[in-house]
């Protein structure tokens, strides 16, 4: 399930993914990201992953296709959640983007938001 968070404003897209992530979640999220890219050129992404242990292959394919088209359109990506899951996502996403990607534990939510908004890194 995908939930857009109230922290989303300007070039920051903030969302929470919980439970099973499927193609429908990407069909909702990708147009939001594309609109922000059109509007701001480069964007920042804050993503909370809660119990997101299951991801469909079709959803992963949609994500990879999007990454190829928009490899240079991300400034920073903050991933918040389970360390094992985030380590995997960071490794998988890194070849497809020039963005700085950093993962944070759930208790570091505020630090993640601060980091993704900062212009100094």
PDB file of N, CA and C in Angstrom:
ATOM      1  N   UNK A   1       0.827  -1.177   0.000  1.00  0.00           N
ATOM      2  CA  UNK A   1       0.000   0.000   0.000  1.00  0.00           C
ATOM      3  C   UNK A   1       0.876   1.248   0.000  1.00  0.00           C
ATOM      4  N   UNK A   2       0.492   2.222  -0.792  1.00  0.00           N
ATOM      5  CA  UNK A   2       1.222   3.474  -0.923  1.00  0.00           C
ATOM      6  C   UNK A   2       0.449   4.604  -0.265  1.00  0.00           C
ATOM      7  N   UNK A   3       1.167   5.450   0.494  1.00  0.00           N
ATOM      8  CA  UNK A   3       0.548   6.622   1.112  1.00  0.00           C
ATOM      9  C   UNK A   3       1.472   7.810   0.898  1.00  0.00           C
ATOM     10  N   UNK A   4       0.964   8.859   0.264  1.00  0.00           N
ATOM     11  CA  UNK A   4       1.713  10.095   0.114  1.00  0.00           C
ATOM     12  C   UNK A   4       1.695  10.812   1.461  1.00  0.00           C
ATOM     13  N   UNK A   5       2.849  11.304   1.899  1.00  0.00           N
ATOM     14  CA  UNK A   5       2.967  11.933   3.217  1.00  0.00           C
ATOM     15  C   UNK A   5       2.859  13.449   3.116  1.00  0.00           C
ATOM     16  N   UNK A   6       2.429  14.065   4.207  1.00  0.00           N
ATOM     17  CA  UNK A   6       2.236  15.513   4.236  1.00  0.00           C
ATOM     18  C   UNK A   6       3.539  16.287   4.062  1.00  0.00           C
ATOM     19  N   UNK A   7       4.674  15.655   4.258  1.00  0.00           N
ATOM     20  CA  UNK A   7       5.966  16.322   4.065  1.00  0.00           C
ATOM     21  C   UNK A   7       6.255  16.608   2.594  1.00  0.00           C
ATOM     22  N   UNK A   8       5.473  16.036   1.693  1.00  0.00           N
ATOM     23  CA  UNK A   8       5.656  16.279   0.257  1.00  0.00           C
ATOM     24  C   UNK A   8       5.311  17.730  -0.068  1.00  0.00           C
ATOM     25  N   UNK A   9       6.308  18.437  -0.533  1.00  0.00           N
ATOM     26  CA  UNK A   9       6.087  19.807  -1.000  1.00  0.00           C
ATOM     27  C   UNK A   9       7.304  20.229  -1.809  1.00  0.00           C
ATOM     28  N   UNK A  10       7.071  21.139  -2.700  1.00  0.00           N
ATOM     29  CA  UNK A  10       8.113  21.607  -3.610  1.00  0.00           C
ATOM     30  C   UNK A  10       8.733  20.400  -4.326  1.00  0.00           C
ATOM     31  N   UNK A  11      10.071  20.301  -4.320  1.00  0.00           N
ATOM     32  CA  UNK A  11      10.720  19.212  -5.051  1.00  0.00           C
ATOM     33  C   UNK A  11      10.864  17.927  -4.233  1.00  0.00           C
ATOM     34  N   UNK A  12      10.296  17.890  -3.032  1.00  0.00           N
ATOM     35  CA  UNK A  12      10.356  16.689  -2.188  1.00  0.00           C
ATOM     36  C   UNK A  12       9.081  15.859  -2.333  1.00  0.00           C
ATOM     37  N   UNK A  13       9.257  14.604  -2.689  1.00  0.00           N
ATOM     38  CA  UNK A  13       8.151  13.644  -2.701  1.00  0.00           C
ATOM     39  C   UNK A  13       8.388  12.699  -1.534  1.00  0.00           C
ATOM     40  N   UNK A  14       7.451  12.665  -0.601  1.00  0.00           N
ATOM     41  CA  UNK A  14       7.576  11.812   0.584  1.00  0.00           C
ATOM     42  C   UNK A  14       6.408  10.835   0.603  1.00  0.00           C
ATOM     43  N   UNK A  15       6.734   9.560   0.749  1.00  0.00           N
ATOM     44  CA  UNK A  15       5.676   8.562   0.760  1.00  0.00           C
ATOM     45  C   UNK A  15       6.042   7.396   1.660  1.00  0.00           C
ATOM     46  N   UNK A  16       5.019   6.628   2.010  1.00  0.00           N
ATOM     47  CA  UNK A  16       5.184   5.430   2.825  1.00  0.00           C
ATOM     48  C   UNK A  16       4.662   4.247   2.020  1.00  0.00           C
ATOM     49  N   UNK A  17       5.446   3.192   1.976  1.00  0.00           N
ATOM     50  CA  UNK A  17       5.026   1.923   1.384  1.00  0.00           C
ATOM     51  C   UNK A  17       4.941   0.914   2.508  1.00  0.00           C
ATOM     52  N   UNK A  18       3.792   0.269   2.626  1.00  0.00           N
ATOM     53  CA  UNK A  18       3.593  -0.696   3.707  1.00  0.00           C
ATOM     54  C   UNK A  18       3.026  -1.988   3.144  1.00  0.00           C
ATOM     55  N   UNK A  19       3.462  -3.094   3.721  1.00  0.00           N
ATOM     56  CA  UNK A  19       2.943  -4.390   3.301  1.00  0.00           C
ATOM     57  C   UNK A  19       3.436  -4.778   1.923  1.00  0.00           C
ATOM     58  N   UNK A  20       2.568  -5.371   1.159  1.00  0.00           N
ATOM     59  CA  UNK A  20       2.901  -5.843  -0.183  1.00  0.00           C
ATOM     60  C   UNK A  20       2.926  -4.677  -1.161  1.00  0.00           C
ATOM     61  N   UNK A  21       3.980  -4.583  -1.932  1.00  0.00           N
ATOM     62  CA  UNK A  21       4.118  -3.538  -2.939  1.00  0.00           C
ATOM     63  C   UNK A  21       3.870  -4.193  -4.298  1.00  0.00           C
ATOM     64  N   UNK A  22       2.921  -3.636  -5.048  1.00  0.00           N
ATOM     65  CA  UNK A  22       2.602  -4.244  -6.336  1.00  0.00           C
ATOM     66  C   UNK A  22       2.554  -3.195  -7.437  1.00  0.00           C
ATOM     67  N   UNK A  23       2.175  -3.623  -8.622  1.00  0.00           N
ATOM     68  CA  UNK A  23       2.150  -2.736  -9.786  1.00  0.00           C
ATOM     69  C   UNK A  23       1.234  -1.534  -9.552  1.00  0.00           C
ATOM     70  N   UNK A  24       0.120  -1.749  -8.878  1.00  0.00           N
ATOM     71  CA  UNK A  24      -0.814  -0.644  -8.613  1.00  0.00           C
ATOM     72  C   UNK A  24      -0.130   0.482  -7.847  1.00  0.00           C
ATOM     73  N   UNK A  25       0.699   0.139  -6.875  1.00  0.00           N
ATOM     74  CA  UNK A  25       1.417   1.163  -6.111  1.00  0.00           C
ATOM     75  C   UNK A  25       2.309   2.003  -7.027  1.00  0.00           C
ATOM     76  N   UNK A  26       2.972   1.347  -7.958  1.00  0.00           N
ATOM     77  CA  UNK A  26       3.820   2.073  -8.903  1.00  0.00           C
ATOM     78  C   UNK A  26       2.998   2.903  -9.876  1.00  0.00           C
ATOM     79  N   UNK A  27       1.820   2.425 -10.258  1.00  0.00           N
ATOM     80  CA  UNK A  27       0.949   3.184 -11.150  1.00  0.00           C
ATOM     81  C   UNK A  27       0.468   4.475 -10.483  1.00  0.00           C
ATOM     82  N   UNK A  28       0.408   4.487  -9.174  1.00  0.00           N
ATOM     83  CA  UNK A  28       0.046   5.695  -8.420  1.00  0.00           C
ATOM     84  C   UNK A  28       1.277   6.583  -8.231  1.00  0.00           C
ATOM     85  N   UNK A  29       2.405   5.993  -7.834  1.00  0.00           N
ATOM     86  CA  UNK A  29       3.589   6.752  -7.471  1.00  0.00           C
ATOM     87  C   UNK A  29       4.323   7.355  -8.676  1.00  0.00           C
ATOM     88  N   UNK A  30       4.492   6.614  -9.747  1.00  0.00           N
ATOM     89  CA  UNK A  30       5.315   7.086 -10.860  1.00  0.00           C
ATOM     90  C   UNK A  30       4.787   8.365 -11.508  1.00  0.00           C
ATOM     91  N   UNK A  31       3.479   8.515 -11.727  1.00  0.00           N
ATOM     92  CA  UNK A  31       3.005   9.800 -12.276  1.00  0.00           C
ATOM     93  C   UNK A  31       3.279  10.989 -11.348  1.00  0.00           C
ATOM     94  N   UNK A  32       3.221  10.773 -10.044  1.00  0.00           N
ATOM     95  CA  UNK A  32       3.539  11.843  -9.092  1.00  0.00           C
ATOM     96  C   UNK A  32       5.006  12.249  -9.252  1.00  0.00           C
ATOM     97  N   UNK A  33       5.889  11.253  -9.319  1.00  0.00           N
ATOM     98  CA  UNK A  33       7.317  11.539  -9.495  1.00  0.00           C
ATOM     99  C   UNK A  33       7.562  12.251 -10.831  1.00  0.00           C
ATOM    100  N   UNK A  34       6.934  11.768 -11.897  1.00  0.00           N
ATOM    101  CA  UNK A  34       7.135  12.386 -13.210  1.00  0.00           C
ATOM    102  C   UNK A  34       6.654  13.830 -13.237  1.00  0.00           C
ATOM    103  N   UNK A  35       5.528  14.116 -12.589  1.00  0.00           N
ATOM    104  CA  UNK A  35       5.017  15.489 -12.539  1.00  0.00           C
ATOM    105  C   UNK A  35       5.980  16.396 -11.785  1.00  0.00           C
ATOM    106  N   UNK A  36       6.521  15.926 -10.664  1.00  0.00           N
ATOM    107  CA  UNK A  36       7.485  16.720  -9.897  1.00  0.00           C
ATOM    108  C   UNK A  36       8.767  16.955 -10.706  1.00  0.00           C
ATOM    109  N   UNK A  37       9.204  15.946 -11.444  1.00  0.00           N
ATOM    110  CA  UNK A  37      10.399  16.097 -12.289  1.00  0.00           C
ATOM    111  C   UNK A  37      10.149  17.150 -13.365  1.00  0.00           C
ATOM    112  N   UNK A  38       8.978  17.114 -13.987  1.00  0.00           N
ATOM    113  CA  UNK A  38       8.629  18.132 -14.998  1.00  0.00           C
ATOM    114  C   UNK A  38       8.639  19.525 -14.384  1.00  0.00           C
ATOM    115  N   UNK A  39       8.115  19.631 -13.175  1.00  0.00           N
ATOM    116  CA  UNK A  39       7.981  20.916 -12.518  1.00  0.00           C
ATOM    117  C   UNK A  39       9.312  21.460 -11.995  1.00  0.00           C
ATOM    118  N   UNK A  40      10.167  20.596 -11.414  1.00  0.00           N
ATOM    119  CA  UNK A  40      11.376  21.062 -10.724  1.00  0.00           C
ATOM    120  C   UNK A  40      12.688  20.633 -11.378  1.00  0.00           C
ATOM    121  N   UNK A  41      12.639  19.753 -12.363  1.00  0.00           N
ATOM    122  CA  UNK A  41      13.869  19.270 -12.990  1.00  0.00           C
ATOM    123  C   UNK A  41      14.468  18.114 -12.216  1.00  0.00           C
ATOM    124  N   UNK A  42      14.989  18.388 -11.046  1.00  0.00           N
ATOM    125  CA  UNK A  42      15.526  17.345 -10.161  1.00  0.00           C
ATOM    126  C   UNK A  42      14.709  17.339  -8.882  1.00  0.00           C
ATOM    127  N   UNK A  43      14.484  16.137  -8.358  1.00  0.00           N
ATOM    128  CA  UNK A  43      13.656  16.024  -7.163  1.00  0.00           C
ATOM    129  C   UNK A  43      14.385  15.264  -6.064  1.00  0.00           C
ATOM    130  N   UNK A  44      13.796  15.339  -4.879  1.00  0.00           N
ATOM    131  CA  UNK A  44      14.267  14.599  -3.707  1.00  0.00           C
ATOM    132  C   UNK A  44      13.159  13.623  -3.329  1.00  0.00           C
ATOM    133  N   UNK A  45      13.552  12.450  -2.844  1.00  0.00           N
ATOM    134  CA  UNK A  45      12.562  11.442  -2.469  1.00  0.00           C
ATOM    135  C   UNK A  45      12.845  10.963  -1.052  1.00  0.00           C
ATOM    136  N   UNK A  46      11.790  10.925  -0.258  1.00  0.00           N
ATOM    137  CA  UNK A  46      11.828  10.360   1.087  1.00  0.00           C
ATOM    138  C   UNK A  46      10.854   9.183   1.057  1.00  0.00           C
ATOM    139  N   UNK A  47      11.337   7.991   1.367  1.00  0.00           N
ATOM    140  CA  UNK A  47      10.482   6.799   1.318  1.00  0.00           C
ATOM    141  C   UNK A  47      10.593   6.011   2.612  1.00  0.00           C
ATOM    142  N   UNK A  48       9.446   5.804   3.260  1.00  0.00           N
ATOM    143  CA  UNK A  48       9.374   4.942   4.438  1.00  0.00           C
ATOM    144  C   UNK A  48       8.870   3.587   3.979  1.00  0.00           C
ATOM    145  N   UNK A  49       9.582   2.555   4.351  1.00  0.00           N
ATOM    146  CA  UNK A  49       9.181   1.196   3.998  1.00  0.00           C
ATOM    147  C   UNK A  49       8.830   0.469   5.283  1.00  0.00           C
ATOM    148  N   UNK A  50       7.545   0.167   5.458  1.00  0.00           N
ATOM    149  CA  UNK A  50       7.076  -0.502   6.667  1.00  0.00           C
ATOM    150  C   UNK A  50       6.620  -1.908   6.321  1.00  0.00           C
ATOM    151  N   UNK A  51       7.298  -2.887   6.861  1.00  0.00           N
ATOM    152  CA  UNK A  51       6.948  -4.280   6.605  1.00  0.00           C
ATOM    153  C   UNK A  51       6.797  -4.552   5.120  1.00  0.00           C
ATOM    154  N   UNK A  52       7.626  -3.905   4.309  1.00  0.00           N
ATOM    155  CA  UNK A  52       7.548  -4.056   2.860  1.00  0.00           C
ATOM    156  C   UNK A  52       8.450  -5.203   2.426  1.00  0.00           C
ATOM    157  N   UNK A  53       8.126  -6.379   2.880  1.00  0.00           N
ATOM    158  CA  UNK A  53       8.954  -7.542   2.588  1.00  0.00           C
ATOM    159  C   UNK A  53       8.607  -8.209   1.263  1.00  0.00           C
ATOM    160  N   UNK A  54       7.451  -7.904   0.721  1.00  0.00           N
ATOM    161  CA  UNK A  54       7.025  -8.572  -0.501  1.00  0.00           C
ATOM    162  C   UNK A  54       6.893  -7.550  -1.626  1.00  0.00           C
ATOM    163  N   UNK A  55       7.571  -7.792  -2.715  1.00  0.00           N
ATOM    164  CA  UNK A  55       7.485  -6.911  -3.869  1.00  0.00           C
ATOM    165  C   UNK A  55       7.291  -7.787  -5.091  1.00  0.00           C
ATOM    166  N   UNK A  56       6.327  -7.446  -5.915  1.00  0.00           N
ATOM    167  CA  UNK A  56       6.063  -8.279  -7.085  1.00  0.00           C
ATOM    168  C   UNK A  56       7.122  -8.022  -8.148  1.00  0.00           C
ATOM    169  N   UNK A  57       7.394  -9.014  -8.977  1.00  0.00           N
ATOM    170  CA  UNK A  57       8.354  -8.853 -10.065  1.00  0.00           C
ATOM    171  C   UNK A  57       7.877  -7.803 -11.055  1.00  0.00           C
ATOM    172  N   UNK A  58       6.585  -7.730 -11.281  1.00  0.00           N
ATOM    173  CA  UNK A  58       6.039  -6.732 -12.191  1.00  0.00           C
ATOM    174  C   UNK A  58       6.278  -5.325 -11.648  1.00  0.00           C
ATOM    175  N   UNK A  59       6.101  -5.133 -10.360  1.00  0.00           N
ATOM    176  CA  UNK A  59       6.356  -3.830  -9.744  1.00  0.00           C
ATOM    177  C   UNK A  59       7.836  -3.483  -9.837  1.00  0.00           C
ATOM    178  N   UNK A  60       8.705  -4.447  -9.599  1.00  0.00           N
ATOM    179  CA  UNK A  60      10.141  -4.213  -9.716  1.00  0.00           C
ATOM    180  C   UNK A  60      10.505  -3.811 -11.147  1.00  0.00           C
ATOM    181  N   UNK A  61       9.908  -4.444 -12.136  1.00  0.00           N
ATOM    182  CA  UNK A  61      10.157  -4.108 -13.542  1.00  0.00           C
ATOM    183  C   UNK A  61       9.725  -2.667 -13.833  1.00  0.00           C
ATOM    184  N   UNK A  62       8.566  -2.246 -13.332  1.00  0.00           N
ATOM    185  CA  UNK A  62       8.106  -0.874 -13.519  1.00  0.00           C
ATOM    186  C   UNK A  62       9.109   0.103 -12.914  1.00  0.00           C
ATOM    187  N   UNK A  63       9.620  -0.221 -11.739  1.00  0.00           N
ATOM    188  CA  UNK A  63      10.595   0.630 -11.068  1.00  0.00           C
ATOM    189  C   UNK A  63      11.875   0.745 -11.886  1.00  0.00           C
ATOM    190  N   UNK A  64      12.382  -0.361 -12.382  1.00  0.00           N
ATOM    191  CA  UNK A  64      13.620  -0.342 -13.166  1.00  0.00           C
ATOM    192  C   UNK A  64      13.450   0.457 -14.457  1.00  0.00           C
ATOM    193  N   UNK A  65      12.311   0.312 -15.134  1.00  0.00           N
ATOM    194  CA  UNK A  65      12.064   1.082 -16.355  1.00  0.00           C
ATOM    195  C   UNK A  65      12.046   2.575 -16.046  1.00  0.00           C
ATOM    196  N   UNK A  66      11.412   2.952 -14.943  1.00  0.00           N
ATOM    197  CA  UNK A  66      11.370   4.360 -14.538  1.00  0.00           C
ATOM    198  C   UNK A  66      12.780   4.864 -14.243  1.00  0.00           C
ATOM    199  N   UNK A  67      13.571   4.068 -13.525  1.00  0.00           N
ATOM    200  CA  UNK A  67      14.936   4.465 -13.186  1.00  0.00           C
ATOM    201  C   UNK A  67      15.779   4.711 -14.426  1.00  0.00           C
ATOM    202  N   UNK A  68      15.649   3.878 -15.437  1.00  0.00           N
ATOM    203  CA  UNK A  68      16.407   4.072 -16.670  1.00  0.00           C
ATOM    204  C   UNK A  68      16.059   5.406 -17.328  1.00  0.00           C
ATOM    205  N   UNK A  69      14.781   5.753 -17.368  1.00  0.00           N
ATOM    206  CA  UNK A  69      14.342   6.993 -18.024  1.00  0.00           C
ATOM    207  C   UNK A  69      14.734   8.238 -17.224  1.00  0.00           C
ATOM    208  N   UNK A  70      14.835   8.124 -15.918  1.00  0.00           N
ATOM    209  CA  UNK A  70      15.032   9.294 -15.063  1.00  0.00           C
ATOM    210  C   UNK A  70      16.303   9.209 -14.214  1.00  0.00           C
ATOM    211  N   UNK A  71      17.314   8.568 -14.728  1.00  0.00           N
ATOM    212  CA  UNK A  71      18.539   8.320 -13.961  1.00  0.00           C
ATOM    213  C   UNK A  71      19.153   9.589 -13.381  1.00  0.00           C
ATOM    214  N   UNK A  72      19.075  10.712 -14.081  1.00  0.00           N
ATOM    215  CA  UNK A  72      19.699  11.939 -13.607  1.00  0.00           C
ATOM    216  C   UNK A  72      18.748  12.919 -12.960  1.00  0.00           C
ATOM    217  N   UNK A  73      17.514  12.510 -12.690  1.00  0.00           N
ATOM    218  CA  UNK A  73      16.484  13.431 -12.215  1.00  0.00           C
ATOM    219  C   UNK A  73      16.293  13.453 -10.698  1.00  0.00           C
ATOM    220  N   UNK A  74      17.122  12.718  -9.965  1.00  0.00           N
ATOM    221  CA  UNK A  74      17.001  12.662  -8.511  1.00  0.00           C
ATOM    222  C   UNK A  74      18.244  13.269  -7.870  1.00  0.00           C
ATOM    223  N   UNK A  75      18.034  14.164  -6.897  1.00  0.00           N
ATOM    224  CA  UNK A  75      19.160  14.731  -6.141  1.00  0.00           C
ATOM    225  C   UNK A  75      19.543  13.802  -5.002  1.00  0.00           C
ATOM    226  N   UNK A  76      18.537  13.469  -4.174  1.00  0.00           N
ATOM    227  CA  UNK A  76      18.759  12.639  -2.996  1.00  0.00           C
ATOM    228  C   UNK A  76      17.575  11.716  -2.796  1.00  0.00           C
ATOM    229  N   UNK A  77      17.874  10.552  -2.234  1.00  0.00           N
ATOM    230  CA  UNK A  77      16.825   9.599  -1.871  1.00  0.00           C
ATOM    231  C   UNK A  77      17.126   9.110  -0.462  1.00  0.00           C
ATOM    232  N   UNK A  78      16.184   9.338   0.459  1.00  0.00           N
ATOM    233  CA  UNK A  78      16.303   8.844   1.832  1.00  0.00           C
ATOM    234  C   UNK A  78      15.346   7.674   1.984  1.00  0.00           C
ATOM    235  N   UNK A  79      15.874   6.527   2.366  1.00  0.00           N
ATOM    236  CA  UNK A  79      15.073   5.322   2.574  1.00  0.00           C
ATOM    237  C   UNK A  79      15.046   5.018   4.070  1.00  0.00           C
ATOM    238  N   UNK A  80      13.853   4.864   4.620  1.00  0.00           N
ATOM    239  CA  UNK A  80      13.692   4.654   6.055  1.00  0.00           C
ATOM    240  C   UNK A  80      12.983   3.337   6.298  1.00  0.00           C
ATOM    241  N   UNK A  81      13.586   2.476   7.123  1.00  0.00           N
ATOM    242  CA  UNK A  81      12.956   1.208   7.464  1.00  0.00           C
ATOM    243  C   UNK A  81      13.967   0.156   7.854  1.00  0.00           C
ATOM    244  N   UNK A  82      13.593  -1.090   7.689  1.00  0.00           N
ATOM    245  CA  UNK A  82      14.407  -2.239   8.044  1.00  0.00           C
ATOM    246  C   UNK A  82      15.738  -2.221   7.307  1.00  0.00           C
ATOM    247  N   UNK A  83      16.830  -2.348   8.020  1.00  0.00           N
ATOM    248  CA  UNK A  83      18.178  -2.243   7.449  1.00  0.00           C
ATOM    249  C   UNK A  83      18.444  -3.269   6.337  1.00  0.00           C
ATOM    250  N   UNK A  84      18.073  -4.510   6.539  1.00  0.00           N
ATOM    251  CA  UNK A  84      18.339  -5.534   5.524  1.00  0.00           C
ATOM    252  C   UNK A  84      17.647  -5.187   4.210  1.00  0.00           C
ATOM    253  N   UNK A  85      16.402  -4.803   4.292  1.00  0.00           N
ATOM    254  CA  UNK A  85      15.619  -4.443   3.107  1.00  0.00           C
ATOM    255  C   UNK A  85      16.231  -3.222   2.427  1.00  0.00           C
ATOM    256  N   UNK A  86      16.643  -2.220   3.191  1.00  0.00           N
ATOM    257  CA  UNK A  86      17.194  -1.002   2.619  1.00  0.00           C
ATOM    258  C   UNK A  86      18.561  -1.224   2.004  1.00  0.00           C
ATOM    259  N   UNK A  87      19.372  -2.069   2.614  1.00  0.00           N
ATOM    260  CA  UNK A  87      20.665  -2.394   2.018  1.00  0.00           C
ATOM    261  C   UNK A  87      20.465  -2.960   0.618  1.00  0.00           C
ATOM    262  N   UNK A  88      19.499  -3.860   0.477  1.00  0.00           N
ATOM    263  CA  UNK A  88      19.205  -4.464  -0.824  1.00  0.00           C
ATOM    264  C   UNK A  88      18.729  -3.404  -1.814  1.00  0.00           C
ATOM    265  N   UNK A  89      17.791  -2.540  -1.406  1.00  0.00           N
ATOM    266  CA  UNK A  89      17.266  -1.502  -2.292  1.00  0.00           C
ATOM    267  C   UNK A  89      18.350  -0.524  -2.716  1.00  0.00           C
ATOM    268  N   UNK A  90      19.208  -0.132  -1.791  1.00  0.00           N
ATOM    269  CA  UNK A  90      20.277   0.808  -2.104  1.00  0.00           C
ATOM    270  C   UNK A  90      21.221   0.228  -3.141  1.00  0.00           C
ATOM    271  N   UNK A  91      21.608  -1.012  -2.960  1.00  0.00           N
ATOM    272  CA  UNK A  91      22.501  -1.676  -3.916  1.00  0.00           C
ATOM    273  C   UNK A  91      21.830  -1.797  -5.281  1.00  0.00           C
ATOM    274  N   UNK A  92      20.556  -2.163  -5.302  1.00  0.00           N
ATOM    275  CA  UNK A  92      19.836  -2.336  -6.566  1.00  0.00           C
ATOM    276  C   UNK A  92      19.633  -1.005  -7.296  1.00  0.00           C
ATOM    277  N   UNK A  93      19.383   0.069  -6.578  1.00  0.00           N
ATOM    278  CA  UNK A  93      19.066   1.354  -7.202  1.00  0.00           C
ATOM    279  C   UNK A  93      20.310   2.128  -7.638  1.00  0.00           C
ATOM    280  N   UNK A  94      21.420   1.954  -6.962  1.00  0.00           N
ATOM    281  CA  UNK A  94      22.609   2.770  -7.199  1.00  0.00           C
ATOM    282  C   UNK A  94      23.075   2.820  -8.655  1.00  0.00           C
ATOM    283  N   UNK A  95      23.107   1.723  -9.389  1.00  0.00           N
ATOM    284  CA  UNK A  95      23.576   1.812 -10.773  1.00  0.00           C
ATOM    285  C   UNK A  95      22.649   2.601 -11.695  1.00  0.00           C
ATOM    286  N   UNK A  96      21.415   2.844 -11.266  1.00  0.00           N
ATOM    287  CA  UNK A  96      20.423   3.453 -12.137  1.00  0.00           C
ATOM    288  C   UNK A  96      20.214   4.939 -11.893  1.00  0.00           C
ATOM    289  N   UNK A  97      20.946   5.531 -10.981  1.00  0.00           N
ATOM    290  CA  UNK A  97      20.724   6.941 -10.663  1.00  0.00           C
ATOM    291  C   UNK A  97      22.017   7.605 -10.224  1.00  0.00           C
ATOM    292  N   UNK A  98      22.071   8.921 -10.418  1.00  0.00           N
ATOM    293  CA  UNK A  98      23.207   9.702  -9.941  1.00  0.00           C
ATOM    294  C   UNK A  98      22.918  10.285  -8.557  1.00  0.00           C
ATOM    295  N   UNK A  99      21.737  10.011  -8.032  1.00  0.00           N
ATOM    296  CA  UNK A  99      21.323  10.552  -6.734  1.00  0.00           C
ATOM    297  C   UNK A  99      22.170   9.995  -5.600  1.00  0.00           C
ATOM    298  N   UNK A 100      22.269  10.801  -4.559  1.00  0.00           N
ATOM    299  CA  UNK A 100      22.841  10.300  -3.304  1.00  0.00           C
ATOM    300  C   UNK A 100      21.733   9.519  -2.621  1.00  0.00           C
ATOM    301  N   UNK A 101      22.012   8.283  -2.267  1.00  0.00           N
ATOM    302  CA  UNK A 101      21.023   7.422  -1.623  1.00  0.00           C
ATOM    303  C   UNK A 101      21.553   7.043  -0.248  1.00  0.00           C
ATOM    304  N   UNK A 102      20.707   7.224   0.752  1.00  0.00           N
ATOM    305  CA  UNK A 102      21.132   6.906   2.115  1.00  0.00           C
ATOM    306  C   UNK A 102      19.967   6.240   2.829  1.00  0.00           C
ATOM    307  N   UNK A 103      20.289   5.238   3.629  1.00  0.00           N
ATOM    308  CA  UNK A 103      19.212   4.586   4.378  1.00  0.00           C
ATOM    309  C   UNK A 103      19.326   4.902   5.855  1.00  0.00           C
ATOM    310  N   UNK A 104      18.152   4.901   6.504  1.00  0.00           N
ATOM    311  CA  UNK A 104      18.022   5.259   7.907  1.00  0.00           C
ATOM    312  C   UNK A 104      17.120   4.242   8.590  1.00  0.00           C
ATOM    313  N   UNK A 105      17.356   4.013   9.861  1.00  0.00           N
ATOM    314  CA  UNK A 105      16.468   3.180  10.662  1.00  0.00           C
ATOM    315  C   UNK A 105      15.179   3.958  10.940  1.00  0.00           C
ATOM    316  N   UNK A 106      14.113   3.259  11.311  1.00  0.00           N
ATOM    317  CA  UNK A 106      12.824   3.889  11.579  1.00  0.00           C
ATOM    318  C   UNK A 106      12.944   4.989  12.630  1.00  0.00           C
ATOM    319  N   UNK A 107      13.743   4.764  13.662  1.00  0.00           N
ATOM    320  CA  UNK A 107      13.884   5.765  14.730  1.00  0.00           C
ATOM    321  C   UNK A 107      14.645   7.004  14.256  1.00  0.00           C
ATOM    322  N   UNK A 108      15.221   6.966  13.062  1.00  0.00           N
ATOM    323  CA  UNK A 108      15.977   8.093  12.517  1.00  0.00           C
ATOM    324  C   UNK A 108      15.160   8.883  11.483  1.00  0.00           C
ATOM    325  N   UNK A 109      13.846   8.782  11.553  1.00  0.00           N
ATOM    326  CA  UNK A 109      12.951   9.414  10.577  1.00  0.00           C
ATOM    327  C   UNK A 109      13.231  10.915  10.423  1.00  0.00           C
ATOM    328  N   UNK A 110      13.346  11.631  11.521  1.00  0.00           N
ATOM    329  CA  UNK A 110      13.584  13.086  11.467  1.00  0.00           C
ATOM    330  C   UNK A 110      14.940  13.406  10.838  1.00  0.00           C
ATOM    331  N   UNK A 111      15.962  12.617  11.171  1.00  0.00           N
ATOM    332  CA  UNK A 111      17.287  12.822  10.566  1.00  0.00           C
ATOM    333  C   UNK A 111      17.228  12.582   9.055  1.00  0.00           C
ATOM    334  N   UNK A 112      16.442  11.594   8.629  1.00  0.00           N
ATOM    335  CA  UNK A 112      16.301  11.306   7.201  1.00  0.00           C
ATOM    336  C   UNK A 112      15.650  12.475   6.475  1.00  0.00           C
ATOM    337  N   UNK A 113      14.595  13.026   7.058  1.00  0.00           N
ATOM    338  CA  UNK A 113      13.938  14.189   6.452  1.00  0.00           C
ATOM    339  C   UNK A 113      14.883  15.382   6.385  1.00  0.00           C
ATOM    340  N   UNK A 114      15.614  15.603   7.457  1.00  0.00           N
ATOM    341  CA  UNK A 114      16.579  16.706   7.477  1.00  0.00           C
ATOM    342  C   UNK A 114      17.651  16.506   6.404  1.00  0.00           C
ATOM    343  N   UNK A 115      18.183  15.293   6.297  1.00  0.00           N
ATOM    344  CA  UNK A 115      19.234  14.996   5.322  1.00  0.00           C
ATOM    345  C   UNK A 115      18.737  15.189   3.887  1.00  0.00           C
ATOM    346  N   UNK A 116      17.565  14.677   3.584  1.00  0.00           N
ATOM    347  CA  UNK A 116      17.071  14.739   2.205  1.00  0.00           C
ATOM    348  C   UNK A 116      16.746  16.182   1.788  1.00  0.00           C
ATOM    349  N   UNK A 117      16.400  17.041   2.744  1.00  0.00           N
ATOM    350  CA  UNK A 117      16.083  18.432   2.435  1.00  0.00           C
ATOM    351  C   UNK A 117      17.333  19.315   2.304  1.00  0.00           C
ATOM    352  N   UNK A 118      18.431  18.908   2.959  1.00  0.00           N
ATOM    353  CA  UNK A 118      19.658  19.724   2.997  1.00  0.00           C
ATOM    354  C   UNK A 118      20.304  19.828   1.618  1.00  0.00           C
ATOM    355  N   UNK A 119      20.857  20.988   1.326  1.00  0.00           N
ATOM    356  CA  UNK A 119      21.554  21.209   0.048  1.00  0.00           C
ATOM    357  C   UNK A 119      23.060  21.022   0.131  1.00  0.00           C
ATOM    358  N   UNK A 120      23.589  20.740   1.318  1.00  0.00           N
ATOM    359  CA  UNK A 120      25.044  20.703   1.505  1.00  0.00           C
ATOM    360  C   UNK A 120      25.705  19.386   1.115  1.00  0.00           C
ATOM    361  N   UNK A 121      24.944  18.358   0.767  1.00  0.00           N
ATOM    362  CA  UNK A 121      25.575  17.077   0.395  1.00  0.00           C
ATOM    363  C   UNK A 121      25.206  16.715  -1.004  1.00  0.00           C
TER     364      UNK A 121
END
